[in-house]
Amino acid sequence: SSGINAECPLRPGTSEKEKEKLKVDLERELKKQSNEIAELNKQNAALLGENNDLADENKNLKKAKSPRGKSESSKLAEKEAEIAKLKEALILLRQELTGLIEERLRENAPP
């Protein structure tokens, strides 16, 4: 506690009783601050744990989206793009078929 007195100089003529009260008050304050620090350290450790869990989840999400294990949403988007292409091809085939049918009807029409 000599460190405490060095940081907190007493005015000349401070009685022993006042010194003792000041020492008790300072020790109480020190203990309170130590408890607060311990509590903050605990909270910090918990937050670090949560942060590590989130980092792991994030890593797993990135892995899930990588080409080896694509996420369901990207697989779905691929399928939807495939369906759109097939629909376009179907429309073109119908147009071509309609054109061929019309051509044949013209060829077979009576003069």
N, C-alpha and C. Protein backbone atom coordinates (compact mmCIF):
# COMPACT_ATOMS: atom_id res chain seq x y z
N SER A 1 0.81 -1.21 0.00
CA SER A 1 0.00 0.00 0.00
C SER A 1 0.84 1.26 0.00
N SER A 2 2.17 1.14 0.06
CA SER A 2 3.01 2.34 0.02
C SER A 2 2.86 3.01 -1.34
N GLY A 3 2.54 2.23 -2.37
CA GLY A 3 2.30 2.76 -3.70
C GLY A 3 1.09 3.66 -3.71
N ILE A 4 0.07 3.29 -2.97
CA ILE A 4 -1.15 4.09 -2.89
C ILE A 4 -0.84 5.45 -2.28
N ASN A 5 -0.09 5.45 -1.18
CA ASN A 5 0.25 6.71 -0.51
C ASN A 5 1.13 7.59 -1.39
N ALA A 6 2.00 6.95 -2.19
CA ALA A 6 2.89 7.71 -3.08
C ALA A 6 2.07 8.39 -4.17
N GLU A 7 1.01 7.74 -4.63
CA GLU A 7 0.19 8.32 -5.69
C GLU A 7 -0.82 9.32 -5.12
N CYS A 8 -1.10 9.19 -3.85
CA CYS A 8 -2.14 10.02 -3.24
C CYS A 8 -1.53 10.70 -2.01
N PRO A 9 -0.72 11.73 -2.24
CA PRO A 9 -0.01 12.34 -1.09
C PRO A 9 -1.00 12.94 -0.08
N LEU A 10 -0.66 12.76 1.18
CA LEU A 10 -1.53 13.27 2.26
C LEU A 10 -1.07 14.68 2.62
N ARG A 11 -2.04 15.50 2.99
CA ARG A 11 -1.66 16.86 3.42
C ARG A 11 -0.99 16.76 4.80
N PRO A 12 -0.11 17.68 5.06
CA PRO A 12 0.57 17.64 6.37
C PRO A 12 -0.45 17.73 7.51
N GLY A 13 -0.21 17.00 8.56
CA GLY A 13 -1.10 17.06 9.73
C GLY A 13 -2.27 16.10 9.65
N THR A 14 -2.26 15.15 8.70
CA THR A 14 -3.33 14.16 8.61
C THR A 14 -3.17 13.20 9.80
N SER A 15 -4.25 13.01 10.53
CA SER A 15 -4.18 12.15 11.72
C SER A 15 -4.09 10.69 11.31
N GLU A 16 -3.63 9.86 12.24
CA GLU A 16 -3.53 8.42 11.98
C GLU A 16 -4.90 7.84 11.67
N LYS A 17 -5.92 8.35 12.35
CA LYS A 17 -7.30 7.86 12.14
C LYS A 17 -7.74 8.15 10.69
N GLU A 18 -7.44 9.38 10.24
CA GLU A 18 -7.79 9.76 8.86
C GLU A 18 -7.02 8.91 7.84
N LYS A 19 -5.73 8.68 8.15
CA LYS A 19 -4.90 7.85 7.26
C LYS A 19 -5.48 6.45 7.16
N GLU A 20 -5.88 5.90 8.34
CA GLU A 20 -6.43 4.54 8.36
C GLU A 20 -7.73 4.48 7.57
N LYS A 21 -8.61 5.49 7.72
CA LYS A 21 -9.89 5.53 6.99
C LYS A 21 -9.62 5.62 5.48
N LEU A 22 -8.67 6.48 5.11
CA LEU A 22 -8.32 6.64 3.71
C LEU A 22 -7.80 5.33 3.12
N LYS A 23 -6.96 4.65 3.91
CA LYS A 23 -6.41 3.36 3.46
C LYS A 23 -7.53 2.35 3.24
N VAL A 24 -8.48 2.28 4.19
CA VAL A 24 -9.62 1.35 4.08
C VAL A 24 -10.45 1.69 2.84
N ASP A 25 -10.73 3.00 2.66
CA ASP A 25 -11.51 3.43 1.49
C ASP A 25 -10.81 3.07 0.18
N LEU A 26 -9.51 3.31 0.13
CA LEU A 26 -8.75 3.01 -1.08
C LEU A 26 -8.72 1.52 -1.36
N GLU A 27 -8.54 0.72 -0.31
CA GLU A 27 -8.53 -0.74 -0.49
C GLU A 27 -9.89 -1.25 -0.96
N ARG A 28 -10.97 -0.65 -0.40
CA ARG A 28 -12.33 -1.02 -0.82
C ARG A 28 -12.52 -0.68 -2.30
N GLU A 29 -12.09 0.52 -2.69
CA GLU A 29 -12.20 0.95 -4.08
C GLU A 29 -11.38 0.04 -5.00
N LEU A 30 -10.19 -0.32 -4.54
CA LEU A 30 -9.31 -1.19 -5.31
C LEU A 30 -9.97 -2.56 -5.51
N LYS A 31 -10.57 -3.09 -4.44
CA LYS A 31 -11.23 -4.39 -4.52
C LYS A 31 -12.42 -4.32 -5.49
N LYS A 32 -13.19 -3.20 -5.40
CA LYS A 32 -14.33 -3.01 -6.28
C LYS A 32 -13.87 -2.99 -7.75
N GLN A 33 -12.81 -2.24 -8.00
CA GLN A 33 -12.28 -2.15 -9.37
C GLN A 33 -11.75 -3.50 -9.85
N SER A 34 -11.11 -4.24 -8.95
CA SER A 34 -10.60 -5.58 -9.31
C SER A 34 -11.75 -6.49 -9.69
N ASN A 35 -12.85 -6.42 -8.92
CA ASN A 35 -14.03 -7.23 -9.24
C ASN A 35 -14.62 -6.83 -10.58
N GLU A 36 -14.68 -5.52 -10.84
CA GLU A 36 -15.20 -5.03 -12.13
C GLU A 36 -14.32 -5.53 -13.28
N ILE A 37 -13.01 -5.49 -13.06
CA ILE A 37 -12.08 -5.96 -14.09
C ILE A 37 -12.28 -7.45 -14.33
N ALA A 38 -12.44 -8.21 -13.24
CA ALA A 38 -12.65 -9.66 -13.37
C ALA A 38 -13.94 -9.93 -14.15
N GLU A 39 -15.00 -9.16 -13.85
CA GLU A 39 -16.28 -9.32 -14.54
C GLU A 39 -16.12 -8.98 -16.02
N LEU A 40 -15.42 -7.88 -16.32
CA LEU A 40 -15.19 -7.49 -17.72
C LEU A 40 -14.36 -8.54 -18.46
N ASN A 41 -13.37 -9.12 -17.75
CA ASN A 41 -12.56 -10.19 -18.36
C ASN A 41 -13.44 -11.39 -18.70
N LYS A 42 -14.38 -11.71 -17.79
CA LYS A 42 -15.30 -12.83 -18.03
C LYS A 42 -16.16 -12.54 -19.26
N GLN A 43 -16.72 -11.32 -19.31
CA GLN A 43 -17.56 -10.93 -20.45
C GLN A 43 -16.75 -10.97 -21.75
N ASN A 44 -15.51 -10.49 -21.65
CA ASN A 44 -14.63 -10.47 -22.82
C ASN A 44 -14.37 -11.89 -23.32
N ALA A 45 -14.12 -12.81 -22.38
CA ALA A 45 -13.87 -14.20 -22.75
C ALA A 45 -15.10 -14.79 -23.43
N ALA A 46 -16.29 -14.47 -22.90
CA ALA A 46 -17.53 -14.98 -23.49
C ALA A 46 -17.71 -14.42 -24.90
N LEU A 47 -17.44 -13.12 -25.06
CA LEU A 47 -17.55 -12.50 -26.39
C LEU A 47 -16.54 -13.08 -27.37
N LEU A 48 -15.34 -13.35 -26.88
CA LEU A 48 -14.32 -13.98 -27.74
C LEU A 48 -14.79 -15.35 -28.19
N GLY A 49 -15.39 -16.10 -27.26
CA GLY A 49 -15.93 -17.41 -27.60
C GLY A 49 -17.00 -17.30 -28.66
N GLU A 50 -17.93 -16.34 -28.47
CA GLU A 50 -19.00 -16.12 -29.46
C GLU A 50 -18.40 -15.73 -30.80
N ASN A 51 -17.39 -14.86 -30.75
CA ASN A 51 -16.74 -14.39 -31.97
C ASN A 51 -16.11 -15.56 -32.72
N ASN A 52 -15.45 -16.46 -31.97
CA ASN A 52 -14.84 -17.63 -32.60
C ASN A 52 -15.90 -18.54 -33.21
N ASP A 53 -17.04 -18.70 -32.49
CA ASP A 53 -18.14 -19.51 -33.02
C ASP A 53 -18.65 -18.91 -34.32
N LEU A 54 -18.83 -17.58 -34.33
CA LEU A 54 -19.31 -16.91 -35.55
C LEU A 54 -18.31 -17.05 -36.69
N ALA A 55 -17.03 -16.95 -36.35
CA ALA A 55 -15.99 -17.10 -37.38
C ALA A 55 -16.05 -18.51 -37.98
N ASP A 56 -16.26 -19.51 -37.11
CA ASP A 56 -16.38 -20.90 -37.59
C ASP A 56 -17.60 -21.05 -38.49
N GLU A 57 -18.74 -20.48 -38.05
CA GLU A 57 -19.96 -20.55 -38.85
C GLU A 57 -19.73 -19.90 -40.21
N ASN A 58 -19.07 -18.75 -40.18
CA ASN A 58 -18.78 -18.01 -41.42
C ASN A 58 -17.92 -18.85 -42.35
N LYS A 59 -16.91 -19.52 -41.76
CA LYS A 59 -16.03 -20.39 -42.55
C LYS A 59 -16.83 -21.52 -43.18
N ASN A 60 -17.74 -22.10 -42.38
CA ASN A 60 -18.57 -23.19 -42.88
C ASN A 60 -19.49 -22.73 -43.99
N LEU A 61 -20.04 -21.50 -43.84
CA LEU A 61 -20.91 -20.95 -44.90
C LEU A 61 -20.11 -20.76 -46.18
N LYS A 62 -18.89 -20.23 -46.05
CA LYS A 62 -18.05 -20.02 -47.23
C LYS A 62 -17.73 -21.35 -47.89
N LYS A 63 -17.43 -22.37 -47.07
CA LYS A 63 -17.16 -23.70 -47.61
C LYS A 63 -18.38 -24.23 -48.35
N ALA A 64 -19.56 -24.03 -47.73
CA ALA A 64 -20.81 -24.52 -48.32
C ALA A 64 -21.07 -23.87 -49.67
N LYS A 65 -20.58 -22.63 -49.84
CA LYS A 65 -20.82 -21.92 -51.09
C LYS A 65 -19.70 -22.15 -52.11
N SER A 66 -18.64 -22.84 -51.70
CA SER A 66 -17.54 -23.08 -52.63
C SER A 66 -17.97 -24.12 -53.66
N PRO A 67 -17.27 -24.17 -54.81
CA PRO A 67 -17.68 -25.08 -55.89
C PRO A 67 -17.82 -26.54 -55.46
N ARG A 68 -17.01 -26.97 -54.48
CA ARG A 68 -17.09 -28.37 -54.04
C ARG A 68 -18.42 -28.66 -53.37
N GLY A 69 -18.93 -27.71 -52.59
CA GLY A 69 -20.20 -27.94 -51.91
C GLY A 69 -21.06 -26.72 -52.05
N LYS A 70 -21.58 -26.49 -53.23
CA LYS A 70 -22.35 -25.27 -53.50
C LYS A 70 -23.56 -25.19 -52.57
N SER A 71 -23.89 -23.96 -52.19
CA SER A 71 -25.06 -23.76 -51.33
C SER A 71 -26.33 -24.09 -52.10
N GLU A 72 -27.36 -24.40 -51.35
CA GLU A 72 -28.64 -24.76 -51.98
C GLU A 72 -29.14 -23.62 -52.88
N SER A 73 -28.95 -22.39 -52.43
CA SER A 73 -29.47 -21.25 -53.21
C SER A 73 -28.76 -21.14 -54.56
N SER A 74 -27.45 -21.40 -54.58
CA SER A 74 -26.76 -21.30 -55.88
C SER A 74 -27.13 -22.47 -56.78
N LYS A 75 -27.36 -23.65 -56.18
CA LYS A 75 -27.83 -24.79 -56.98
C LYS A 75 -29.18 -24.47 -57.58
N LEU A 76 -30.06 -23.86 -56.76
CA LEU A 76 -31.39 -23.49 -57.20
C LEU A 76 -31.31 -22.48 -58.34
N ALA A 77 -30.45 -21.48 -58.18
CA ALA A 77 -30.28 -20.46 -59.23
C ALA A 77 -29.81 -21.11 -60.54
N GLU A 78 -28.90 -22.08 -60.43
CA GLU A 78 -28.43 -22.79 -61.63
C GLU A 78 -29.58 -23.52 -62.32
N LYS A 79 -30.39 -24.22 -61.52
CA LYS A 79 -31.53 -24.98 -62.07
C LYS A 79 -32.51 -24.03 -62.76
N GLU A 80 -32.77 -22.88 -62.11
CA GLU A 80 -33.70 -21.91 -62.68
C GLU A 80 -33.17 -21.37 -64.01
N ALA A 81 -31.86 -21.13 -64.09
CA ALA A 81 -31.24 -20.66 -65.34
C ALA A 81 -31.37 -21.72 -66.43
N GLU A 82 -31.17 -22.99 -66.02
CA GLU A 82 -31.31 -24.11 -66.96
C GLU A 82 -32.73 -24.18 -67.51
N ILE A 83 -33.71 -24.04 -66.61
CA ILE A 83 -35.12 -24.08 -67.01
C ILE A 83 -35.44 -22.96 -67.99
N ALA A 84 -34.91 -21.76 -67.70
CA ALA A 84 -35.15 -20.61 -68.59
C ALA A 84 -34.59 -20.89 -69.99
N LYS A 85 -33.38 -21.47 -70.05
CA LYS A 85 -32.78 -21.81 -71.35
C LYS A 85 -33.63 -22.83 -72.10
N LEU A 86 -34.11 -23.85 -71.36
CA LEU A 86 -34.94 -24.89 -71.98
C LEU A 86 -36.25 -24.29 -72.50
N LYS A 87 -36.83 -23.34 -71.77
CA LYS A 87 -38.07 -22.69 -72.22
C LYS A 87 -37.83 -21.93 -73.52
N GLU A 88 -36.67 -21.22 -73.55
CA GLU A 88 -36.33 -20.48 -74.79
C GLU A 88 -36.18 -21.44 -75.96
N ALA A 89 -35.48 -22.56 -75.72
CA ALA A 89 -35.28 -23.56 -76.79
C ALA A 89 -36.62 -24.12 -77.25
N LEU A 90 -37.53 -24.34 -76.30
CA LEU A 90 -38.85 -24.88 -76.63
C LEU A 90 -39.63 -23.89 -77.51
N ILE A 91 -39.56 -22.62 -77.17
CA ILE A 91 -40.25 -21.59 -77.97
C ILE A 91 -39.70 -21.58 -79.40
N LEU A 92 -38.37 -21.64 -79.52
CA LEU A 92 -37.74 -21.66 -80.86
C LEU A 92 -38.16 -22.90 -81.64
N LEU A 93 -38.21 -24.05 -80.96
CA LEU A 93 -38.63 -25.29 -81.63
C LEU A 93 -40.07 -25.18 -82.11
N ARG A 94 -40.95 -24.61 -81.28
CA ARG A 94 -42.36 -24.45 -81.67
C ARG A 94 -42.47 -23.56 -82.90
N GLN A 95 -41.69 -22.44 -82.88
CA GLN A 95 -41.73 -21.52 -84.02
C GLN A 95 -41.26 -22.24 -85.29
N GLU A 96 -40.19 -23.01 -85.15
CA GLU A 96 -39.65 -23.74 -86.29
C GLU A 96 -40.67 -24.77 -86.80
N LEU A 97 -41.28 -25.47 -85.85
CA LEU A 97 -42.28 -26.49 -86.21
C LEU A 97 -43.49 -25.84 -86.89
N THR A 98 -43.94 -24.71 -86.34
CA THR A 98 -45.07 -23.99 -86.94
C THR A 98 -44.72 -23.56 -88.36
N GLY A 99 -43.50 -23.07 -88.52
CA GLY A 99 -43.03 -22.66 -89.86
C GLY A 99 -43.04 -23.83 -90.83
N LEU A 100 -42.55 -25.00 -90.37
CA LEU A 100 -42.52 -26.20 -91.23
C LEU A 100 -43.92 -26.65 -91.59
N ILE A 101 -44.83 -26.64 -90.61
CA ILE A 101 -46.22 -27.05 -90.86
C ILE A 101 -46.86 -26.12 -91.89
N GLU A 102 -46.66 -24.81 -91.70
CA GLU A 102 -47.24 -23.85 -92.65
C GLU A 102 -46.67 -24.07 -94.06
N GLU A 103 -45.38 -24.36 -94.12
CA GLU A 103 -44.72 -24.60 -95.41
C GLU A 103 -45.33 -25.84 -96.09
N ARG A 104 -45.50 -26.92 -95.31
CA ARG A 104 -46.08 -28.14 -95.86
C ARG A 104 -47.52 -27.91 -96.32
N LEU A 105 -48.27 -27.13 -95.53
CA LEU A 105 -49.67 -26.85 -95.89
C LEU A 105 -49.70 -26.08 -97.22
N ARG A 106 -48.77 -25.17 -97.39
CA ARG A 106 -48.70 -24.40 -98.64
C ARG A 106 -48.37 -25.35 -99.81
N GLU A 107 -47.39 -26.24 -99.54
CA GLU A 107 -46.99 -27.16 -100.61
C GLU A 107 -48.14 -28.10 -101.02
N ASN A 108 -48.91 -28.54 -100.02
CA ASN A 108 -49.99 -29.51 -100.27
C ASN A 108 -51.33 -28.86 -100.62
N ALA A 109 -51.35 -27.54 -100.60
CA ALA A 109 -52.62 -26.86 -100.89
C ALA A 109 -52.97 -27.04 -102.36
N PRO A 110 -54.24 -27.25 -102.64
CA PRO A 110 -54.64 -27.39 -104.05
C PRO A 110 -54.37 -26.08 -104.80
N PRO A 111 -53.94 -26.21 -106.05
CA PRO A 111 -53.59 -25.01 -106.85
C PRO A 111 -54.82 -24.11 -107.08
